[in-house]
Amino acid sequence: MATVGFLYPGYSAEDDYPRIESLLGGGVRLPLVHTDIGEDAHRVDALLEMGSAARLAAGVADLKDQGAEAVVWSCTSASFVFGWEGAQEQVRELSATAGLPASSTSFAFARAIQALGAERVAIAATYPEDVAEYFHAFLKSAGTEVVSTCGSGIITAAEVGTWGLEDVLHLARTGDHSDAEVVLLPDTALHTAAYIPAVEEALHKPVLTANQVTVWEGLRLLDREIVRPELGTLFAGPRREG
């Protein structure tokens, strides 16, 4: 049985992971370890500390004890705020500490966009506008055209974790753009695992959400591909990435 381990900051939407594990239909385990987030704030200085090497390293031994064969830092904002090069270094350090293949949610988004063959995306973020712009810059470094960036101004992950389907639909609709081929919802604190088909139906286009792409990236690290349309277009067929 394949096992992908996840380092998840704090407590917000971590129940998306057992839900996704169930939807994947067996054959894969997705153990999760909570990291110490320090201050719960979508603010650059707090996010840089949240994603520090020491905070990530603290959860690695527990994941390895649970049989993880790869590890993913399940946080978008506390990876992309480091910039493209900084986020790469974050992943390299995590991989070296764990002795395992590693990645993060920010790189998961970049690779998932590529896998869908998309070039133009819209960002529908829960974050304040200034933090959302860091994600815009990160994706630009990946060669993706961001046609619009919408921030919701939410400061804490705890608040985001209370949002339900109607909130997620409103976020996606508000952040959508007619020129976007895909809409991105980049916050692992946001519950989306149960909502992706409904959001894609409402927008009539693929939607990528943070916990969805994080799991997909973990499977990619192990060269596992599981087709589950219940998890959206990303899981509906073969990858197209090079």
Protein backbone atom coordinates (compact mmCIF):
# COMPACT_ATOMS: atom_id res chain seq x y z
CA MET A 1 0.00 0.00 0.00
CA ALA A 2 1.39 3.41 -0.99
CA THR A 3 1.76 5.90 1.86
CA VAL A 4 2.11 9.65 1.42
CA GLY A 5 2.70 11.73 4.54
CA PHE A 6 1.50 15.31 5.00
CA LEU A 7 2.72 18.07 7.29
CA TYR A 8 -0.34 20.20 7.96
CA PRO A 9 -0.19 23.58 9.74
CA GLY A 10 -2.47 23.75 12.75
CA TYR A 11 -6.12 22.67 12.71
CA SER A 12 -8.60 23.87 10.10
CA ALA A 13 -9.54 21.54 7.21
CA GLU A 14 -7.36 18.52 7.99
CA ASP A 15 -10.43 16.28 7.76
CA ASP A 16 -10.24 16.75 3.98
CA TYR A 17 -7.38 14.22 3.98
CA PRO A 18 -9.24 11.18 5.37
CA ARG A 19 -12.16 12.17 3.13
CA ILE A 20 -9.87 12.14 0.08
CA GLU A 21 -8.27 8.89 1.21
CA SER A 22 -11.73 7.33 1.28
CA LEU A 23 -12.62 8.76 -2.14
CA LEU A 24 -9.41 7.31 -3.60
CA GLY A 25 -10.91 3.90 -2.99
CA GLY A 26 -8.12 2.08 -1.15
CA GLY A 27 -4.55 1.22 -1.98
CA VAL A 28 -3.14 4.43 -0.55
CA ARG A 29 -2.72 5.84 2.96
CA LEU A 30 -2.54 9.58 3.70
CA PRO A 31 -1.26 10.02 7.29
CA LEU A 32 -1.10 13.60 8.52
CA VAL A 33 0.93 15.31 11.22
CA HIS A 34 0.05 18.76 12.56
CA THR A 35 2.86 21.31 12.66
CA ASP A 36 3.12 24.19 15.12
CA ILE A 37 1.99 27.27 13.22
CA GLY A 38 3.04 29.86 15.78
CA GLU A 39 0.76 32.83 15.05
CA ASP A 40 -2.34 32.03 12.99
CA ALA A 41 -2.12 34.91 10.54
CA HIS A 42 -2.11 35.30 6.76
CA ARG A 43 0.66 37.86 7.13
CA VAL A 44 4.03 37.55 5.45
CA ASP A 45 6.23 37.57 8.56
CA ALA A 46 4.02 35.00 10.31
CA LEU A 47 3.93 32.81 7.20
CA LEU A 48 7.72 32.84 6.85
CA GLU A 49 8.03 31.58 10.42
CA MET A 50 5.23 29.03 9.91
CA GLY A 51 7.14 27.52 7.00
CA SER A 52 10.56 27.55 8.66
CA ALA A 53 12.75 24.46 8.38
CA ALA A 54 12.64 23.82 12.12
CA ARG A 55 8.83 23.77 12.28
CA LEU A 56 8.60 21.37 9.35
CA ALA A 57 11.40 19.11 10.59
CA ALA A 58 9.61 18.60 13.92
CA GLY A 59 6.89 16.47 12.28
CA VAL A 60 9.06 14.34 10.01
CA ALA A 61 9.91 11.52 12.42
CA ASP A 62 6.23 10.91 13.19
CA LEU A 63 5.40 10.62 9.49
CA LYS A 64 8.27 8.21 8.90
CA ASP A 65 7.04 6.10 11.83
CA GLN A 66 3.72 5.90 9.99
CA GLY A 67 5.43 4.51 6.90
CA ALA A 68 5.50 7.62 4.71
CA GLU A 69 7.31 7.07 1.40
CA ALA A 70 7.05 10.74 0.43
CA VAL A 71 6.19 13.90 2.32
CA VAL A 72 4.33 17.06 1.30
CA TRP A 73 4.20 20.37 3.15
CA SER A 74 0.46 20.94 3.06
CA CYS A 75 0.47 24.70 3.01
CA THR A 76 0.29 27.10 0.09
CA SER A 77 0.89 30.49 1.67
CA ALA A 78 3.79 29.39 3.89
CA SER A 79 5.58 28.07 0.83
CA PHE A 80 4.93 30.65 -1.91
CA VAL A 81 5.82 33.59 0.38
CA PHE A 82 9.42 32.37 0.14
CA GLY A 83 9.37 33.01 -3.62
CA TRP A 84 10.19 30.42 -6.27
CA GLU A 85 13.80 29.85 -5.23
CA GLY A 86 13.03 30.00 -1.52
CA ALA A 87 10.19 27.50 -1.87
CA GLN A 88 12.52 25.16 -3.76
CA GLU A 89 15.05 25.41 -0.93
CA GLN A 90 12.28 24.72 1.59
CA VAL A 91 11.41 21.49 -0.24
CA ARG A 92 15.08 20.48 -0.62
CA GLU A 93 15.61 20.89 3.12
CA LEU A 94 12.47 18.92 3.90
CA SER A 95 13.53 16.11 1.58
CA ALA A 96 17.01 16.00 3.12
CA THR A 97 15.59 15.93 6.65
CA ALA A 98 13.11 13.17 5.82
CA GLY A 99 15.34 11.22 3.45
CA LEU A 100 12.28 11.03 1.21
CA PRO A 101 10.90 12.73 -1.91
CA ALA A 102 9.22 15.97 -0.85
CA SER A 103 7.14 18.82 -2.22
CA SER A 104 4.70 21.51 -1.12
CA THR A 105 1.23 22.72 -2.04
CA SER A 106 2.58 25.67 -4.04
CA PHE A 107 4.51 23.36 -6.37
CA ALA A 108 1.48 21.06 -6.45
CA PHE A 109 -0.55 23.91 -7.96
CA ALA A 110 2.14 24.69 -10.53
CA ARG A 111 2.37 21.06 -11.64
CA ALA A 112 -1.40 20.49 -11.59
CA ILE A 113 -1.93 23.48 -13.90
CA GLN A 114 0.63 21.97 -16.25
CA ALA A 115 -1.03 18.56 -16.02
CA LEU A 116 -4.33 20.09 -17.14
CA GLY A 117 -2.61 21.73 -20.10
CA ALA A 118 -3.77 25.15 -18.92
CA GLU A 119 -1.97 28.44 -19.56
CA ARG A 120 -4.29 31.04 -18.03
CA VAL A 121 -5.67 30.87 -14.50
CA ALA A 122 -7.62 32.95 -12.02
CA ILE A 123 -6.77 33.02 -8.31
CA ALA A 124 -9.70 33.06 -5.89
CA ALA A 125 -7.94 33.40 -2.56
CA THR A 126 -9.11 33.60 1.02
CA TYR A 127 -6.01 35.67 1.86
CA PRO A 128 -5.56 39.42 2.01
CA GLU A 129 -4.70 40.92 -1.38
CA ASP A 130 -1.01 41.45 -0.61
CA VAL A 131 -0.51 37.78 0.29
CA ALA A 132 -2.48 36.64 -2.77
CA GLU A 133 -0.10 38.66 -4.94
CA TYR A 134 2.80 36.52 -3.71
CA PHE A 135 1.01 33.49 -5.16
CA HIS A 136 0.50 35.37 -8.42
CA ALA A 137 4.25 36.03 -8.57
CA PHE A 138 5.05 32.41 -7.73
CA LEU A 139 2.89 31.09 -10.57
CA LYS A 140 4.38 33.64 -12.95
CA SER A 141 7.78 32.13 -12.13
CA ALA A 142 6.32 28.76 -13.12
CA GLY A 143 5.35 30.13 -16.54
CA THR A 144 1.62 30.45 -15.82
CA GLU A 145 -0.37 33.51 -16.86
CA VAL A 146 -2.57 34.76 -14.02
CA VAL A 147 -5.41 36.73 -15.58
CA SER A 148 -6.92 37.85 -12.28
CA THR A 149 -6.17 37.69 -8.55
CA CYS A 150 -8.89 38.12 -5.97
CA GLY A 151 -8.18 38.21 -2.23
CA SER A 152 -10.88 37.90 0.43
CA GLY A 153 -9.01 39.58 3.27
CA ILE A 154 -9.32 36.69 5.73
CA ILE A 155 -6.50 36.80 8.27
CA THR A 156 -6.78 33.49 10.13
CA ALA A 157 -6.92 29.87 8.99
CA ALA A 158 -9.32 29.21 11.85
CA GLU A 159 -11.95 31.45 10.22
CA VAL A 160 -11.41 29.90 6.78
CA GLY A 161 -11.91 26.44 8.28
CA THR A 162 -15.52 27.32 9.18
CA TRP A 163 -16.55 27.97 5.57
CA GLY A 164 -19.04 25.63 3.91
CA LEU A 165 -20.18 24.94 0.35
CA GLU A 166 -21.96 28.26 -0.22
CA ASP A 167 -18.91 30.18 0.96
CA VAL A 168 -16.64 28.17 -1.34
CA LEU A 169 -19.00 28.71 -4.28
CA HIS A 170 -19.08 32.45 -3.61
CA LEU A 171 -15.30 32.57 -3.41
CA ALA A 172 -14.90 30.69 -6.69
CA ARG A 173 -17.48 32.75 -8.55
CA THR A 174 -16.03 36.01 -7.26
CA GLY A 175 -12.51 35.02 -8.29
CA ASP A 176 -13.39 33.56 -11.69
CA HIS A 177 -12.51 35.39 -14.90
CA SER A 178 -13.82 34.82 -18.42
CA ASP A 179 -10.26 34.40 -19.76
CA ALA A 180 -9.25 31.84 -17.14
CA GLU A 181 -9.11 28.20 -18.16
CA VAL A 182 -8.84 27.08 -14.53
CA VAL A 183 -9.76 28.66 -11.19
CA LEU A 184 -7.45 28.17 -8.21
CA LEU A 185 -8.54 28.11 -4.55
CA PRO A 186 -5.18 28.21 -2.75
CA ASP A 187 -5.73 27.60 0.96
CA THR A 188 -5.35 24.25 2.73
CA ALA A 189 -7.42 25.70 5.60
CA LEU A 190 -10.43 25.67 3.25
CA HIS A 191 -12.66 22.60 3.15
CA THR A 192 -13.11 21.62 -0.51
CA ALA A 193 -12.79 17.83 -0.84
CA ALA A 194 -16.55 17.32 -0.80
CA TYR A 195 -17.34 20.33 -2.99
CA ILE A 196 -15.13 20.17 -6.07
CA PRO A 197 -17.64 18.67 -8.56
CA ALA A 198 -20.29 21.20 -7.50
CA VAL A 199 -17.89 24.13 -7.89
CA GLU A 200 -16.68 22.91 -11.30
CA GLU A 201 -20.30 22.53 -12.42
CA ALA A 202 -21.11 26.05 -11.26
CA LEU A 203 -18.11 27.57 -13.08
CA HIS A 204 -18.17 25.26 -16.13
CA LYS A 205 -14.40 24.83 -15.92
CA PRO A 206 -11.79 22.93 -13.90
CA VAL A 207 -11.14 24.05 -10.36
CA LEU A 208 -7.97 23.29 -8.42
CA THR A 209 -8.12 23.42 -4.63
CA ALA A 210 -5.28 23.27 -2.14
CA ASN A 211 -5.93 19.96 -0.39
CA GLN A 212 -6.90 18.30 -3.68
CA VAL A 213 -3.66 19.27 -5.46
CA THR A 214 -1.58 18.47 -2.36
CA VAL A 215 -2.75 14.86 -2.37
CA TRP A 216 -2.35 14.65 -6.15
CA GLU A 217 1.23 15.89 -5.79
CA GLY A 218 1.97 13.29 -3.14
CA LEU A 219 0.73 10.55 -5.44
CA ARG A 220 2.83 12.01 -8.26
CA LEU A 221 5.93 11.75 -6.07
CA LEU A 222 5.28 8.01 -5.82
CA ASP A 223 4.40 7.75 -9.51
CA ARG A 224 0.85 6.72 -8.61
CA GLU A 225 -2.09 7.88 -10.69
CA ILE A 226 -5.62 7.23 -9.47
CA VAL A 227 -8.64 8.21 -11.54
CA ARG A 228 -11.43 9.54 -9.32
CA PRO A 229 -13.69 12.12 -11.04
CA GLU A 230 -15.31 12.71 -7.64
CA LEU A 231 -12.17 14.74 -6.90
CA GLY A 232 -12.53 16.94 -9.97
CA THR A 233 -11.05 17.26 -13.43
CA LEU A 234 -7.51 16.84 -12.08
CA PHE A 235 -8.33 13.27 -11.11
CA ALA A 236 -10.42 12.50 -14.18
CA GLY A 237 -7.75 11.12 -16.50
CA PRO A 238 -4.08 10.80 -17.46
CA ARG A 239 -1.62 13.55 -16.64
CA ARG A 240 -0.47 15.78 -19.45
CA GLU A 241 2.68 17.13 -17.80
CA GLY A 242 6.07 16.66 -19.35
